[in-house]
Amino acid sequence: QVQLVESGGGLVQAGGSLRLSCAASGRIFGISSMGWYRQAPGKQRDVVAIITSGGNTNFADSVKGRFTISRDNTKNTPYLQMNNLKPEDTAVYYCMIATRGTIYWGQGTQVTVSS
């Protein structure tokens, strides 16, 4: 089973930036989409940004204009560039890679934005 590991989280002041990365322990074939989700304390896990195999992107309304998703075409893993961070962006961020039959999740990386 391929494992995903996120990195790049941390503590940042409001208005700051972070870049999240996702590393895979092995090669995943037949990827249909990849992206990032987040879960704040006491809330459900919600989508942040998705990029499809065709390069189409979708973002949660709350992050549009601030976050950018991209992918490493060699490693087939996603990145999330987060700019102008707000305290409400504080959450655990999860990397996701989906194939037709399987969804892979990372263990999450904490992002904390102080006001």
C-alpha atoms as a PDB file:
ATOM      1  CA  GLN A   1       0.000   0.000   0.000  1.00  0.00           C
ATOM      2  CA  VAL A   2       1.408   3.367  -1.011  1.00  0.00           C
ATOM      3  CA  GLN A   3       1.779   5.832   1.837  1.00  0.00           C
ATOM      4  CA  LEU A   4       1.409   9.603   1.470  1.00  0.00           C
ATOM      5  CA  VAL A   5       3.313  11.994   3.724  1.00  0.00           C
ATOM      6  CA  GLU A   6       2.598  15.711   3.855  1.00  0.00           C
ATOM      7  CA  SER A   7       5.134  18.367   4.754  1.00  0.00           C
ATOM      8  CA  GLY A   8       5.354  22.124   4.895  1.00  0.00           C
ATOM      9  CA  GLY A   9       2.842  22.872   7.607  1.00  0.00           C
ATOM     10  CA  GLY A  10       3.599  25.023  10.591  1.00  0.00           C
ATOM     11  CA  LEU A  11       2.804  28.177  12.482  1.00  0.00           C
ATOM     12  CA  VAL A  12       2.499  31.396  10.517  1.00  0.00           C
ATOM     13  CA  GLN A  13       1.113  34.835  11.153  1.00  0.00           C
ATOM     14  CA  ALA A  14      -1.967  36.061   9.335  1.00  0.00           C
ATOM     15  CA  GLY A  15      -1.017  37.301   5.900  1.00  0.00           C
ATOM     16  CA  GLY A  16       1.845  34.873   5.632  1.00  0.00           C
ATOM     17  CA  SER A  17       2.435  32.000   3.239  1.00  0.00           C
ATOM     18  CA  LEU A  18       3.112  28.286   3.369  1.00  0.00           C
ATOM     19  CA  ARG A  19       3.703  25.649   0.716  1.00  0.00           C
ATOM     20  CA  LEU A  20       2.509  22.127   1.371  1.00  0.00           C
ATOM     21  CA  SER A  21       4.068  19.134  -0.324  1.00  0.00           C
ATOM     22  CA  CYS A  22       3.023  15.511  -0.540  1.00  0.00           C
ATOM     23  CA  ALA A  23       5.409  12.600  -0.939  1.00  0.00           C
ATOM     24  CA  ALA A  24       4.381   9.108  -2.004  1.00  0.00           C
ATOM     25  CA  SER A  25       6.215   5.969  -0.909  1.00  0.00           C
ATOM     26  CA  GLY A  26       5.645   4.379  -4.272  1.00  0.00           C
ATOM     27  CA  ARG A  27       4.214   4.934  -7.696  1.00  0.00           C
ATOM     28  CA  ILE A  28       0.444   5.267  -8.058  1.00  0.00           C
ATOM     29  CA  PHE A  29      -0.988   4.367 -11.444  1.00  0.00           C
ATOM     30  CA  GLY A  30      -4.205   5.497 -13.025  1.00  0.00           C
ATOM     31  CA  ILE A  31      -4.504   8.748 -11.111  1.00  0.00           C
ATOM     32  CA  SER A  32      -7.749  10.581 -11.832  1.00  0.00           C
ATOM     33  CA  SER A  33      -7.305  13.482  -9.456  1.00  0.00           C
ATOM     34  CA  MET A  34      -5.244  14.708  -6.534  1.00  0.00           C
ATOM     35  CA  GLY A  35      -5.595  17.487  -4.075  1.00  0.00           C
ATOM     36  CA  TRP A  36      -5.859  18.798  -0.565  1.00  0.00           C
ATOM     37  CA  TYR A  37      -8.470  18.624   2.146  1.00  0.00           C
ATOM     38  CA  ARG A  38      -8.501  20.158   5.591  1.00  0.00           C
ATOM     39  CA  GLN A  39     -10.161  19.506   8.899  1.00  0.00           C
ATOM     40  CA  ALA A  40     -10.476  22.051  11.654  1.00  0.00           C
ATOM     41  CA  PRO A  41     -11.189  20.979  15.249  1.00  0.00           C
ATOM     42  CA  GLY A  42     -14.785  19.913  15.657  1.00  0.00           C
ATOM     43  CA  LYS A  43     -15.511  20.155  11.947  1.00  0.00           C
ATOM     44  CA  GLN A  44     -15.713  17.716   9.067  1.00  0.00           C
ATOM     45  CA  ARG A  45     -12.978  17.248   6.527  1.00  0.00           C
ATOM     46  CA  ASP A  46     -13.584  19.562   3.572  1.00  0.00           C
ATOM     47  CA  VAL A  47     -12.017  19.911   0.171  1.00  0.00           C
ATOM     48  CA  VAL A  48      -9.570  22.769  -0.299  1.00  0.00           C
ATOM     49  CA  ALA A  49      -8.305  22.269  -3.828  1.00  0.00           C
ATOM     50  CA  ILE A  50      -8.356  19.569  -6.479  1.00  0.00           C
ATOM     51  CA  ILE A  51      -6.432  19.120  -9.706  1.00  0.00           C
ATOM     52  CA  THR A  52      -7.558  16.497 -12.193  1.00  0.00           C
ATOM     53  CA  SER A  53      -5.423  14.381 -14.463  1.00  0.00           C
ATOM     54  CA  GLY A  54      -6.386  16.761 -17.240  1.00  0.00           C
ATOM     55  CA  GLY A  55      -5.117  19.748 -15.311  1.00  0.00           C
ATOM     56  CA  ASN A  56      -8.458  21.223 -14.337  1.00  0.00           C
ATOM     57  CA  THR A  57      -8.529  22.804 -10.902  1.00  0.00           C
ATOM     58  CA  ASN A  58     -11.231  23.493  -8.365  1.00  0.00           C
ATOM     59  CA  PHE A  59     -11.005  25.429  -5.129  1.00  0.00           C
ATOM     60  CA  ALA A  60     -13.146  25.953  -2.102  1.00  0.00           C
ATOM     61  CA  ASP A  61     -14.715  29.397  -2.264  1.00  0.00           C
ATOM     62  CA  SER A  62     -12.958  30.396   0.937  1.00  0.00           C
ATOM     63  CA  VAL A  63      -9.496  29.972  -0.596  1.00  0.00           C
ATOM     64  CA  LYS A  64     -10.042  31.203  -4.143  1.00  0.00           C
ATOM     65  CA  GLY A  65      -7.517  33.844  -5.090  1.00  0.00           C
ATOM     66  CA  ARG A  66      -5.236  32.917  -2.183  1.00  0.00           C
ATOM     67  CA  PHE A  67      -4.334  29.254  -2.707  1.00  0.00           C
ATOM     68  CA  THR A  68      -2.825  27.608  -5.763  1.00  0.00           C
ATOM     69  CA  ILE A  69      -2.615  23.903  -6.472  1.00  0.00           C
ATOM     70  CA  SER A  70      -0.003  22.359  -8.726  1.00  0.00           C
ATOM     71  CA  ARG A  71       1.495  18.945  -9.267  1.00  0.00           C
ATOM     72  CA  ASP A  72       4.858  17.339  -9.739  1.00  0.00           C
ATOM     73  CA  ASN A  73       4.415  15.534 -13.044  1.00  0.00           C
ATOM     74  CA  THR A  74       7.382  13.285 -12.350  1.00  0.00           C
ATOM     75  CA  LYS A  75       6.365  12.216  -8.884  1.00  0.00           C
ATOM     76  CA  ASN A  76       2.611  12.558  -9.473  1.00  0.00           C
ATOM     77  CA  THR A  77       2.043  14.365  -6.217  1.00  0.00           C
ATOM     78  CA  PRO A  78       0.338  17.683  -5.460  1.00  0.00           C
ATOM     79  CA  TYR A  79       1.540  20.921  -3.968  1.00  0.00           C
ATOM     80  CA  LEU A  80      -0.520  23.609  -2.284  1.00  0.00           C
ATOM     81  CA  GLN A  81       0.734  27.169  -2.227  1.00  0.00           C
ATOM     82  CA  MET A  82      -1.130  29.120   0.427  1.00  0.00           C
ATOM     83  CA  ASN A  83      -0.838  32.890   0.444  1.00  0.00           C
ATOM     84  CA  ASN A  84      -2.475  35.571   2.559  1.00  0.00           C
ATOM     85  CA  LEU A  85      -3.290  33.006   5.202  1.00  0.00           C
ATOM     86  CA  LYS A  86      -6.070  33.756   7.665  1.00  0.00           C
ATOM     87  CA  PRO A  87      -6.741  32.402  11.148  1.00  0.00           C
ATOM     88  CA  GLU A  88      -9.733  30.519   9.751  1.00  0.00           C
ATOM     89  CA  ASP A  89      -7.337  28.518   7.577  1.00  0.00           C
ATOM     90  CA  THR A  90      -6.069  26.820  10.718  1.00  0.00           C
ATOM     91  CA  ALA A  91      -6.595  23.082  10.303  1.00  0.00           C
ATOM     92  CA  VAL A  92      -4.929  19.789   9.615  1.00  0.00           C
ATOM     93  CA  TYR A  93      -4.298  19.554   5.890  1.00  0.00           C
ATOM     94  CA  TYR A  94      -4.466  16.208   4.133  1.00  0.00           C
ATOM     95  CA  CYS A  95      -3.041  15.161   0.802  1.00  0.00           C
ATOM     96  CA  MET A  96      -5.340  13.019  -1.360  1.00  0.00           C
ATOM     97  CA  ILE A  97      -4.646  11.030  -4.507  1.00  0.00           C
ATOM     98  CA  ALA A  98      -7.502   9.243  -6.231  1.00  0.00           C
ATOM     99  CA  THR A  99      -7.565   6.504  -8.823  1.00  0.00           C
ATOM    100  CA  ARG A 100     -10.667   4.868 -10.255  1.00  0.00           C
ATOM    101  CA  GLY A 101     -10.820   2.370  -7.437  1.00  0.00           C
ATOM    102  CA  THR A 102      -8.800   3.763  -4.545  1.00  0.00           C
ATOM    103  CA  ILE A 103      -8.371   6.982  -2.595  1.00  0.00           C
ATOM    104  CA  TYR A 104      -5.067   7.473  -0.824  1.00  0.00           C
ATOM    105  CA  TRP A 105      -4.773   9.806   2.159  1.00  0.00           C
ATOM    106  CA  GLY A 106      -1.849  11.190   4.026  1.00  0.00           C
ATOM    107  CA  GLN A 107      -1.688  11.495   7.804  1.00  0.00           C
ATOM    108  CA  GLY A 108      -2.025  15.256   7.681  1.00  0.00           C
ATOM    109  CA  THR A 109       0.087  18.274   8.501  1.00  0.00           C
ATOM    110  CA  GLN A 110      -0.941  20.983  10.938  1.00  0.00           C
ATOM    111  CA  VAL A 111      -1.299  24.539   9.701  1.00  0.00           C
ATOM    112  CA  THR A 112      -1.826  27.168  12.364  1.00  0.00           C
ATOM    113  CA  VAL A 113      -2.390  30.800  11.486  1.00  0.00           C
ATOM    114  CA  SER A 114      -2.110  33.305  14.300  1.00  0.00           C
ATOM    115  CA  SER A 115      -3.893  36.643  14.247  1.00  0.00           C
END
